PDB file of all heavy atoms in Angstrom:
ATOM      1  N   ASP A   1     -17.879  -4.520   1.054  1.00  0.00           N
ATOM      2  CA  ASP A   1     -18.011  -5.983   1.411  1.00  0.00           C
ATOM      3  C   ASP A   1     -18.296  -6.817   0.160  1.00  0.00           C
ATOM      4  O   ASP A   1     -17.569  -7.806  -0.092  1.00  0.00           O
ATOM      5  CB  ASP A   1     -19.127  -6.098   2.450  1.00  0.00           C
ATOM      6  CG  ASP A   1     -19.175  -7.522   3.023  1.00  0.00           C
ATOM      7  OD1 ASP A   1     -18.112  -8.199   3.014  1.00  0.00           O
ATOM      8  OD2 ASP A   1     -20.275  -7.971   3.450  1.00  0.00           O
ATOM      9  N   THR A   2     -19.260  -6.429  -0.617  1.00  0.00           N
ATOM     10  CA  THR A   2     -19.656  -7.273  -1.755  1.00  0.00           C
ATOM     11  C   THR A   2     -18.882  -7.001  -3.017  1.00  0.00           C
ATOM     12  O   THR A   2     -18.759  -7.890  -3.852  1.00  0.00           O
ATOM     13  CB  THR A   2     -21.189  -7.115  -2.063  1.00  0.00           C
ATOM     14  OG1 THR A   2     -21.437  -5.746  -2.328  1.00  0.00           O
ATOM     15  CG2 THR A   2     -22.000  -7.536  -0.875  1.00  0.00           C
ATOM     16  N   ASP A   3     -18.277  -5.803  -3.166  1.00  0.00           N
ATOM     17  CA  ASP A   3     -17.475  -5.452  -4.321  1.00  0.00           C
ATOM     18  C   ASP A   3     -16.077  -5.022  -3.821  1.00  0.00           C
ATOM     19  O   ASP A   3     -15.549  -3.974  -4.216  1.00  0.00           O
ATOM     20  CB  ASP A   3     -18.124  -4.323  -5.101  1.00  0.00           C
ATOM     21  CG  ASP A   3     -19.483  -4.675  -5.579  1.00  0.00           C
ATOM     22  OD1 ASP A   3     -19.666  -5.672  -6.259  1.00  0.00           O
ATOM     23  OD2 ASP A   3     -20.423  -3.849  -5.242  1.00  0.00           O
ATOM     24  N   ALA A   4     -15.482  -5.886  -2.968  1.00  0.00           N
ATOM     25  CA  ALA A   4     -14.274  -5.503  -2.238  1.00  0.00           C
ATOM     26  C   ALA A   4     -13.125  -5.091  -3.183  1.00  0.00           C
ATOM     27  O   ALA A   4     -12.473  -4.071  -2.928  1.00  0.00           O
ATOM     28  CB  ALA A   4     -13.848  -6.641  -1.316  1.00  0.00           C
ATOM     29  N   ASP A   5     -12.868  -5.875  -4.194  1.00  0.00           N
ATOM     30  CA  ASP A   5     -11.721  -5.603  -5.105  1.00  0.00           C
ATOM     31  C   ASP A   5     -11.846  -4.289  -5.767  1.00  0.00           C
ATOM     32  O   ASP A   5     -10.896  -3.459  -5.827  1.00  0.00           O
ATOM     33  CB  ASP A   5     -11.572  -6.728  -6.103  1.00  0.00           C
ATOM     34  CG  ASP A   5     -11.078  -8.025  -5.491  1.00  0.00           C
ATOM     35  OD1 ASP A   5     -10.552  -7.996  -4.375  1.00  0.00           O
ATOM     36  OD2 ASP A   5     -11.242  -9.070  -6.149  1.00  0.00           O
ATOM     37  N   GLN A   6     -13.049  -3.947  -6.299  1.00  0.00           N
ATOM     38  CA  GLN A   6     -13.237  -2.704  -6.992  1.00  0.00           C
ATOM     39  C   GLN A   6     -13.181  -1.521  -6.042  1.00  0.00           C
ATOM     40  O   GLN A   6     -12.664  -0.449  -6.317  1.00  0.00           O
ATOM     41  CB  GLN A   6     -14.598  -2.709  -7.763  1.00  0.00           C
ATOM     42  CG  GLN A   6     -14.621  -3.704  -8.930  1.00  0.00           C
ATOM     43  CD  GLN A   6     -13.572  -3.371  -9.975  1.00  0.00           C
ATOM     44  OE1 GLN A   6     -13.316  -2.190 -10.271  1.00  0.00           O
ATOM     45  NE2 GLN A   6     -12.958  -4.409 -10.519  1.00  0.00           N
ATOM     46  N   ALA A   7     -13.804  -1.713  -4.842  1.00  0.00           N
ATOM     47  CA  ALA A   7     -13.836  -0.643  -3.849  1.00  0.00           C
ATOM     48  C   ALA A   7     -12.412  -0.306  -3.361  1.00  0.00           C
ATOM     49  O   ALA A   7     -12.040   0.840  -3.227  1.00  0.00           O
ATOM     50  CB  ALA A   7     -14.728  -1.045  -2.680  1.00  0.00           C
ATOM     51  N   ARG A   8     -11.603  -1.345  -3.115  1.00  0.00           N
ATOM     52  CA  ARG A   8     -10.264  -1.089  -2.590  1.00  0.00           C
ATOM     53  C   ARG A   8      -9.319  -0.439  -3.604  1.00  0.00           C
ATOM     54  O   ARG A   8      -8.347   0.213  -3.229  1.00  0.00           O
ATOM     55  CB  ARG A   8      -9.657  -2.420  -2.076  1.00  0.00           C
ATOM     56  CG  ARG A   8     -10.265  -2.862  -0.775  1.00  0.00           C
ATOM     57  CD  ARG A   8      -9.840  -4.213  -0.383  1.00  0.00           C
ATOM     58  NE  ARG A   8     -10.462  -4.644   0.880  1.00  0.00           N
ATOM     59  CZ  ARG A   8     -10.581  -5.882   1.280  1.00  0.00           C
ATOM     60  NH1 ARG A   8     -10.096  -6.864   0.516  1.00  0.00           N
ATOM     61  NH2 ARG A   8     -11.168  -6.172   2.414  1.00  0.00           N
ATOM     62  N   LYS A   9      -9.627  -0.612  -4.883  1.00  0.00           N
ATOM     63  CA  LYS A   9      -8.823   0.094  -5.911  1.00  0.00           C
ATOM     64  C   LYS A   9      -8.991   1.625  -5.772  1.00  0.00           C
ATOM     65  O   LYS A   9      -8.152   2.365  -6.251  1.00  0.00           O
ATOM     66  CB  LYS A   9      -9.261  -0.393  -7.298  1.00  0.00           C
ATOM     67  CG  LYS A   9      -8.743  -1.743  -7.674  1.00  0.00           C
ATOM     68  CD  LYS A   9      -9.210  -2.132  -9.085  1.00  0.00           C
ATOM     69  CE  LYS A   9      -8.753  -3.537  -9.472  1.00  0.00           C
ATOM     70  NZ  LYS A   9      -9.224  -3.930 -10.798  1.00  0.00           N
ATOM     71  N   MET A  10     -10.098   2.024  -5.187  1.00  0.00           N
ATOM     72  CA  MET A  10     -10.361   3.464  -5.021  1.00  0.00           C
ATOM     73  C   MET A  10      -9.701   4.089  -3.791  1.00  0.00           C
ATOM     74  O   MET A  10      -9.738   5.274  -3.607  1.00  0.00           O
ATOM     75  CB  MET A  10     -11.880   3.684  -4.957  1.00  0.00           C
ATOM     76  CG  MET A  10     -12.651   3.228  -6.196  1.00  0.00           C
ATOM     77  SD  MET A  10     -14.388   3.515  -6.053  1.00  0.00           S
ATOM     78  CE  MET A  10     -14.442   5.309  -5.910  1.00  0.00           C
ATOM     79  N   ILE A  11      -9.088   3.217  -2.938  1.00  0.00           N
ATOM     80  CA  ILE A  11      -8.598   3.668  -1.645  1.00  0.00           C
ATOM     81  C   ILE A  11      -7.089   3.619  -1.589  1.00  0.00           C
ATOM     82  O   ILE A  11      -6.461   2.670  -1.952  1.00  0.00           O
ATOM     83  CB  ILE A  11      -9.192   2.812  -0.515  1.00  0.00           C
ATOM     84  CG1 ILE A  11     -10.690   2.817  -0.511  1.00  0.00           C
ATOM     85  CG2 ILE A  11      -8.620   3.263   0.830  1.00  0.00           C
ATOM     86  CD1 ILE A  11     -11.281   1.842   0.448  1.00  0.00           C
ATOM     87  N   GLY A  12      -6.531   4.723  -1.047  1.00  0.00           N
ATOM     88  CA  GLY A  12      -5.134   4.740  -0.612  1.00  0.00           C
ATOM     89  C   GLY A  12      -5.169   4.914   0.895  1.00  0.00           C
ATOM     90  O   GLY A  12      -5.755   5.860   1.389  1.00  0.00           O
ATOM     91  N   TYR A  13      -4.460   4.040   1.639  1.00  0.00           N
ATOM     92  CA  TYR A  13      -4.632   4.021   3.086  1.00  0.00           C
ATOM     93  C   TYR A  13      -3.245   4.235   3.755  1.00  0.00           C
ATOM     94  O   TYR A  13      -2.294   3.504   3.469  1.00  0.00           O
ATOM     95  CB  TYR A  13      -5.184   2.669   3.503  1.00  0.00           C
ATOM     96  CG  TYR A  13      -5.458   2.510   5.023  1.00  0.00           C
ATOM     97  CD1 TYR A  13      -5.772   3.552   5.847  1.00  0.00           C
ATOM     98  CD2 TYR A  13      -5.277   1.254   5.580  1.00  0.00           C
ATOM     99  CE1 TYR A  13      -6.010   3.428   7.206  1.00  0.00           C
ATOM    100  CE2 TYR A  13      -5.504   1.090   6.996  1.00  0.00           C
ATOM    101  CZ  TYR A  13      -5.869   2.149   7.740  1.00  0.00           C
ATOM    102  OH  TYR A  13      -6.064   1.968   9.091  1.00  0.00           O
ATOM    103  N   LEU A  14      -3.193   5.212   4.629  1.00  0.00           N
ATOM    104  CA  LEU A  14      -1.997   5.421   5.445  1.00  0.00           C
ATOM    105  C   LEU A  14      -2.420   5.139   6.889  1.00  0.00           C
ATOM    106  O   LEU A  14      -3.045   6.010   7.538  1.00  0.00           O
ATOM    107  CB  LEU A  14      -1.532   6.863   5.324  1.00  0.00           C
ATOM    108  CG  LEU A  14      -0.350   7.250   6.297  1.00  0.00           C
ATOM    109  CD1 LEU A  14       0.920   6.412   6.024  1.00  0.00           C
ATOM    110  CD2 LEU A  14      -0.079   8.742   6.191  1.00  0.00           C
ATOM    111  N   PRO A  15      -2.063   3.979   7.452  1.00  0.00           N
ATOM    112  CA  PRO A  15      -2.355   3.685   8.861  1.00  0.00           C
ATOM    113  C   PRO A  15      -1.448   4.520   9.747  1.00  0.00           C
ATOM    114  O   PRO A  15      -0.516   5.161   9.329  1.00  0.00           O
ATOM    115  CB  PRO A  15      -2.094   2.194   8.994  1.00  0.00           C
ATOM    116  CG  PRO A  15      -1.171   1.851   7.882  1.00  0.00           C
ATOM    117  CD  PRO A  15      -1.422   2.846   6.764  1.00  0.00           C
ATOM    118  N   GLU A  16      -1.814   4.479  11.043  1.00  0.00           N
ATOM    119  CA  GLU A  16      -1.030   5.312  12.011  1.00  0.00           C
ATOM    120  C   GLU A  16       0.458   4.912  11.986  1.00  0.00           C
ATOM    121  O   GLU A  16       1.305   5.769  12.092  1.00  0.00           O
ATOM    122  CB  GLU A  16      -1.610   5.097  13.418  1.00  0.00           C
ATOM    123  CG  GLU A  16      -1.021   6.018  14.452  1.00  0.00           C
ATOM    124  CD  GLU A  16      -1.708   5.941  15.772  1.00  0.00           C
ATOM    125  OE1 GLU A  16      -2.823   5.403  15.851  1.00  0.00           O
ATOM    126  OE2 GLU A  16      -1.122   6.417  16.762  1.00  0.00           O
ATOM    127  N   ASN A  17       0.723   3.633  11.837  1.00  0.00           N
ATOM    128  CA  ASN A  17       2.114   3.161  11.730  1.00  0.00           C
ATOM    129  C   ASN A  17       2.361   2.717  10.288  1.00  0.00           C
ATOM    130  O   ASN A  17       1.868   1.589   9.980  1.00  0.00           O
ATOM    131  CB  ASN A  17       2.396   2.023  12.731  1.00  0.00           C
ATOM    132  CG  ASN A  17       2.258   2.507  14.178  1.00  0.00           C
ATOM    133  OD1 ASN A  17       2.881   3.467  14.596  1.00  0.00           O
ATOM    134  ND2 ASN A  17       1.427   1.839  14.962  1.00  0.00           N
ATOM    135  N   PRO A  18       2.977   3.479   9.446  1.00  0.00           N
ATOM    136  CA  PRO A  18       3.143   3.075   8.038  1.00  0.00           C
ATOM    137  C   PRO A  18       3.748   1.712   7.823  1.00  0.00           C
ATOM    138  O   PRO A  18       4.754   1.366   8.518  1.00  0.00           O
ATOM    139  CB  PRO A  18       4.023   4.187   7.447  1.00  0.00           C
ATOM    140  CG  PRO A  18       3.840   5.350   8.402  1.00  0.00           C
ATOM    141  CD  PRO A  18       3.622   4.742   9.724  1.00  0.00           C
ATOM    142  N   PRO A  19       3.254   0.870   6.892  1.00  0.00           N
ATOM    143  CA  PRO A  19       3.749  -0.451   6.692  1.00  0.00           C
ATOM    144  C   PRO A  19       4.982  -0.441   5.829  1.00  0.00           C
ATOM    145  O   PRO A  19       4.904  -0.721   4.593  1.00  0.00           O
ATOM    146  CB  PRO A  19       2.569  -1.125   6.032  1.00  0.00           C
ATOM    147  CG  PRO A  19       1.891  -0.032   5.244  1.00  0.00           C
ATOM    148  CD  PRO A  19       2.102   1.220   6.053  1.00  0.00           C
ATOM    149  N   LEU A  20       6.149  -0.090   6.384  1.00  0.00           N
ATOM    150  CA  LEU A  20       7.342   0.046   5.588  1.00  0.00           C
ATOM    151  C   LEU A  20       8.291  -1.127   5.746  1.00  0.00           C
ATOM    152  O   LEU A  20       8.241  -1.863   6.743  1.00  0.00           O
ATOM    153  CB  LEU A  20       8.089   1.374   6.018  1.00  0.00           C
ATOM    154  CG  LEU A  20       7.239   2.638   6.057  1.00  0.00           C
ATOM    155  CD1 LEU A  20       8.124   3.828   6.487  1.00  0.00           C
ATOM    156  CD2 LEU A  20       6.692   2.904   4.653  1.00  0.00           C
ATOM    157  N   TYR A  21       9.137  -1.337   4.725  1.00  0.00           N
ATOM    158  CA  TYR A  21      10.243  -2.325   4.784  1.00  0.00           C
ATOM    159  C   TYR A  21      11.533  -1.509   4.939  1.00  0.00           C
ATOM    160  O   TYR A  21      12.026  -0.963   3.913  1.00  0.00           O
ATOM    161  CB  TYR A  21      10.224  -3.199   3.566  1.00  0.00           C
ATOM    162  CG  TYR A  21       9.136  -4.219   3.550  1.00  0.00           C
ATOM    163  CD1 TYR A  21       7.883  -3.944   2.949  1.00  0.00           C
ATOM    164  CD2 TYR A  21       9.306  -5.436   4.185  1.00  0.00           C
ATOM    165  CE1 TYR A  21       6.861  -4.871   2.945  1.00  0.00           C
ATOM    166  CE2 TYR A  21       8.263  -6.379   4.197  1.00  0.00           C
ATOM    167  CZ  TYR A  21       7.079  -6.093   3.587  1.00  0.00           C
ATOM    168  OH  TYR A  21       6.049  -7.008   3.571  1.00  0.00           O
ATOM    169  N   PRO A  22      12.080  -1.455   6.090  1.00  0.00           N
ATOM    170  CA  PRO A  22      13.216  -0.503   6.316  1.00  0.00           C
ATOM    171  C   PRO A  22      14.488  -0.802   5.591  1.00  0.00           C
ATOM    172  O   PRO A  22      15.366   0.094   5.445  1.00  0.00           O
ATOM    173  CB  PRO A  22      13.419  -0.594   7.878  1.00  0.00           C
ATOM    174  CG  PRO A  22      12.820  -1.916   8.290  1.00  0.00           C
ATOM    175  CD  PRO A  22      11.672  -2.108   7.333  1.00  0.00           C
ATOM    176  N   ASP A  23      14.692  -2.057   5.093  1.00  0.00           N
ATOM    177  CA  ASP A  23      15.905  -2.412   4.395  1.00  0.00           C
ATOM    178  C   ASP A  23      15.828  -2.125   2.910  1.00  0.00           C
ATOM    179  O   ASP A  23      16.821  -2.272   2.220  1.00  0.00           O
ATOM    180  CB  ASP A  23      16.231  -3.899   4.598  1.00  0.00           C
ATOM    181  CG  ASP A  23      16.584  -4.204   6.040  1.00  0.00           C
ATOM    182  OD1 ASP A  23      17.249  -3.298   6.686  1.00  0.00           O
ATOM    183  OD2 ASP A  23      16.272  -5.248   6.555  1.00  0.00           O
ATOM    184  N   MET A  24      14.671  -1.680   2.425  1.00  0.00           N
ATOM    185  CA  MET A  24      14.563  -1.304   1.028  1.00  0.00           C
ATOM    186  C   MET A  24      14.813   0.209   0.832  1.00  0.00           C
ATOM    187  O   MET A  24      14.661   0.955   1.765  1.00  0.00           O
ATOM    188  CB  MET A  24      13.114  -1.571   0.551  1.00  0.00           C
ATOM    189  CG  MET A  24      12.737  -3.017   0.375  1.00  0.00           C
ATOM    190  SD  MET A  24      11.032  -3.129  -0.256  1.00  0.00           S
ATOM    191  CE  MET A  24      10.872  -4.893  -0.567  1.00  0.00           C
ATOM    192  N   THR A  25      15.209   0.531  -0.397  1.00  0.00           N
ATOM    193  CA  THR A  25      15.254   1.946  -0.699  1.00  0.00           C
ATOM    194  C   THR A  25      13.843   2.439  -0.981  1.00  0.00           C
ATOM    195  O   THR A  25      12.942   1.604  -1.157  1.00  0.00           O
ATOM    196  CB  THR A  25      16.123   2.244  -1.982  1.00  0.00           C
ATOM    197  OG1 THR A  25      15.461   1.583  -3.121  1.00  0.00           O
ATOM    198  CG2 THR A  25      17.516   1.680  -1.858  1.00  0.00           C
ATOM    199  N   VAL A  26      13.662   3.751  -1.030  1.00  0.00           N
ATOM    200  CA  VAL A  26      12.341   4.286  -1.313  1.00  0.00           C
ATOM    201  C   VAL A  26      11.820   3.800  -2.640  1.00  0.00           C
ATOM    202  O   VAL A  26      10.691   3.339  -2.780  1.00  0.00           O
ATOM    203  CB  VAL A  26      12.350   5.829  -1.264  1.00  0.00           C
ATOM    204  CG1 VAL A  26      11.025   6.411  -1.729  1.00  0.00           C
ATOM    205  CG2 VAL A  26      12.685   6.338   0.087  1.00  0.00           C
ATOM    206  N   ASP A  27      12.692   3.791  -3.659  1.00  0.00           N
ATOM    207  CA  ASP A  27      12.260   3.332  -5.006  1.00  0.00           C
ATOM    208  C   ASP A  27      11.889   1.856  -4.984  1.00  0.00           C
ATOM    209  O   ASP A  27      10.892   1.475  -5.630  1.00  0.00           O
ATOM    210  CB  ASP A  27      13.404   3.546  -6.004  1.00  0.00           C
ATOM    211  CG  ASP A  27      13.129   4.719  -6.920  1.00  0.00           C
ATOM    212  OD1 ASP A  27      11.928   5.170  -6.965  1.00  0.00           O
ATOM    213  OD2 ASP A  27      13.982   5.085  -7.728  1.00  0.00           O
ATOM    214  N   GLU A  28      12.729   1.004  -4.291  1.00  0.00           N
ATOM    215  CA  GLU A  28      12.408  -0.390  -4.256  1.00  0.00           C
ATOM    216  C   GLU A  28      11.072  -0.670  -3.582  1.00  0.00           C
ATOM    217  O   GLU A  28      10.276  -1.491  -4.049  1.00  0.00           O
ATOM    218  CB  GLU A  28      13.527  -1.116  -3.520  1.00  0.00           C
ATOM    219  CG  GLU A  28      14.815  -1.225  -4.287  1.00  0.00           C
ATOM    220  CD  GLU A  28      15.987  -1.742  -3.426  1.00  0.00           C
ATOM    221  OE1 GLU A  28      15.865  -1.723  -2.184  1.00  0.00           O
ATOM    222  OE2 GLU A  28      16.982  -2.158  -3.998  1.00  0.00           O
ATOM    223  N   TYR A  29      10.839   0.030  -2.489  1.00  0.00           N
ATOM    224  CA  TYR A  29       9.613  -0.134  -1.742  1.00  0.00           C
ATOM    225  C   TYR A  29       8.403   0.257  -2.574  1.00  0.00           C
ATOM    226  O   TYR A  29       7.369  -0.476  -2.641  1.00  0.00           O
ATOM    227  CB  TYR A  29       9.645   0.624  -0.448  1.00  0.00           C
ATOM    228  CG  TYR A  29       8.350   0.603   0.322  1.00  0.00           C
ATOM    229  CD1 TYR A  29       7.881  -0.559   0.903  1.00  0.00           C
ATOM    230  CD2 TYR A  29       7.603   1.789   0.434  1.00  0.00           C
ATOM    231  CE1 TYR A  29       6.676  -0.585   1.600  1.00  0.00           C
ATOM    232  CE2 TYR A  29       6.374   1.778   1.136  1.00  0.00           C
ATOM    233  CZ  TYR A  29       5.924   0.637   1.708  1.00  0.00           C
ATOM    234  OH  TYR A  29       4.725   0.565   2.350  1.00  0.00           O
ATOM    235  N   LEU A  30       8.460   1.419  -3.203  1.00  0.00           N
ATOM    236  CA  LEU A  30       7.298   1.878  -3.975  1.00  0.00           C
ATOM    237  C   LEU A  30       7.076   1.012  -5.192  1.00  0.00           C
ATOM    238  O   LEU A  30       5.923   0.765  -5.582  1.00  0.00           O
ATOM    239  CB  LEU A  30       7.535   3.325  -4.401  1.00  0.00           C
ATOM    240  CG  LEU A  30       7.545   4.378  -3.268  1.00  0.00           C
ATOM    241  CD1 LEU A  30       7.745   5.765  -3.824  1.00  0.00           C
ATOM    242  CD2 LEU A  30       6.242   4.308  -2.453  1.00  0.00           C
ATOM    243  N   GLY A  31       8.163   0.455  -5.750  1.00  0.00           N
ATOM    244  CA  GLY A  31       8.023  -0.526  -6.826  1.00  0.00           C
ATOM    245  C   GLY A  31       7.324  -1.758  -6.362  1.00  0.00           C
ATOM    246  O   GLY A  31       6.484  -2.395  -7.101  1.00  0.00           O
ATOM    247  N   PHE A  32       7.641  -2.204  -5.115  1.00  0.00           N
ATOM    248  CA  PHE A  32       7.012  -3.372  -4.535  1.00  0.00           C
ATOM    249  C   PHE A  32       5.520  -3.122  -4.327  1.00  0.00           C
ATOM    250  O   PHE A  32       4.653  -3.973  -4.665  1.00  0.00           O
ATOM    251  CB  PHE A  32       7.661  -3.702  -3.209  1.00  0.00           C
ATOM    252  CG  PHE A  32       7.061  -4.730  -2.375  1.00  0.00           C
ATOM    253  CD1 PHE A  32       6.927  -6.069  -2.837  1.00  0.00           C
ATOM    254  CD2 PHE A  32       6.500  -4.436  -1.126  1.00  0.00           C
ATOM    255  CE1 PHE A  32       6.304  -7.030  -2.084  1.00  0.00           C
ATOM    256  CE2 PHE A  32       5.904  -5.412  -0.383  1.00  0.00           C
ATOM    257  CZ  PHE A  32       5.787  -6.711  -0.812  1.00  0.00           C
ATOM    258  N   VAL A  33       5.189  -1.933  -3.833  1.00  0.00           N
ATOM    259  CA  VAL A  33       3.764  -1.576  -3.628  1.00  0.00           C
ATOM    260  C   VAL A  33       3.026  -1.530  -4.995  1.00  0.00           C
ATOM    261  O   VAL A  33       1.916  -1.979  -5.116  1.00  0.00           O
ATOM    262  CB  VAL A  33       3.642  -0.248  -2.866  1.00  0.00           C
ATOM    263  CG1 VAL A  33       2.194   0.237  -2.823  1.00  0.00           C
ATOM    264  CG2 VAL A  33       4.239  -0.359  -1.485  1.00  0.00           C
ATOM    265  N   TYR A  34       3.714  -0.980  -5.987  1.00  0.00           N
ATOM    266  CA  TYR A  34       3.156  -0.887  -7.363  1.00  0.00           C
ATOM    267  C   TYR A  34       2.733  -2.281  -7.816  1.00  0.00           C
ATOM    268  O   TYR A  34       1.685  -2.481  -8.369  1.00  0.00           O
ATOM    269  CB  TYR A  34       4.159  -0.236  -8.275  1.00  0.00           C
ATOM    270  CG  TYR A  34       3.773  -0.195  -9.700  1.00  0.00           C
ATOM    271  CD1 TYR A  34       3.208   1.003 -10.229  1.00  0.00           C
ATOM    272  CD2 TYR A  34       4.016  -1.233 -10.579  1.00  0.00           C
ATOM    273  CE1 TYR A  34       2.852   1.086 -11.539  1.00  0.00           C
ATOM    274  CE2 TYR A  34       3.645  -1.113 -11.920  1.00  0.00           C
ATOM    275  CZ  TYR A  34       3.041   0.020 -12.411  1.00  0.00           C
ATOM    276  OH  TYR A  34       2.692   0.119 -13.700  1.00  0.00           O
TER     277      TYR A  34
END
């Protein structure tokens, strides 16, 4: 809560329904996430 930015850098989150962009290639999507 108080150090949100630093704490979230430590987390990789896979929700039950992955937040994908279906019209992108895998490389394009991962570059976007990067």
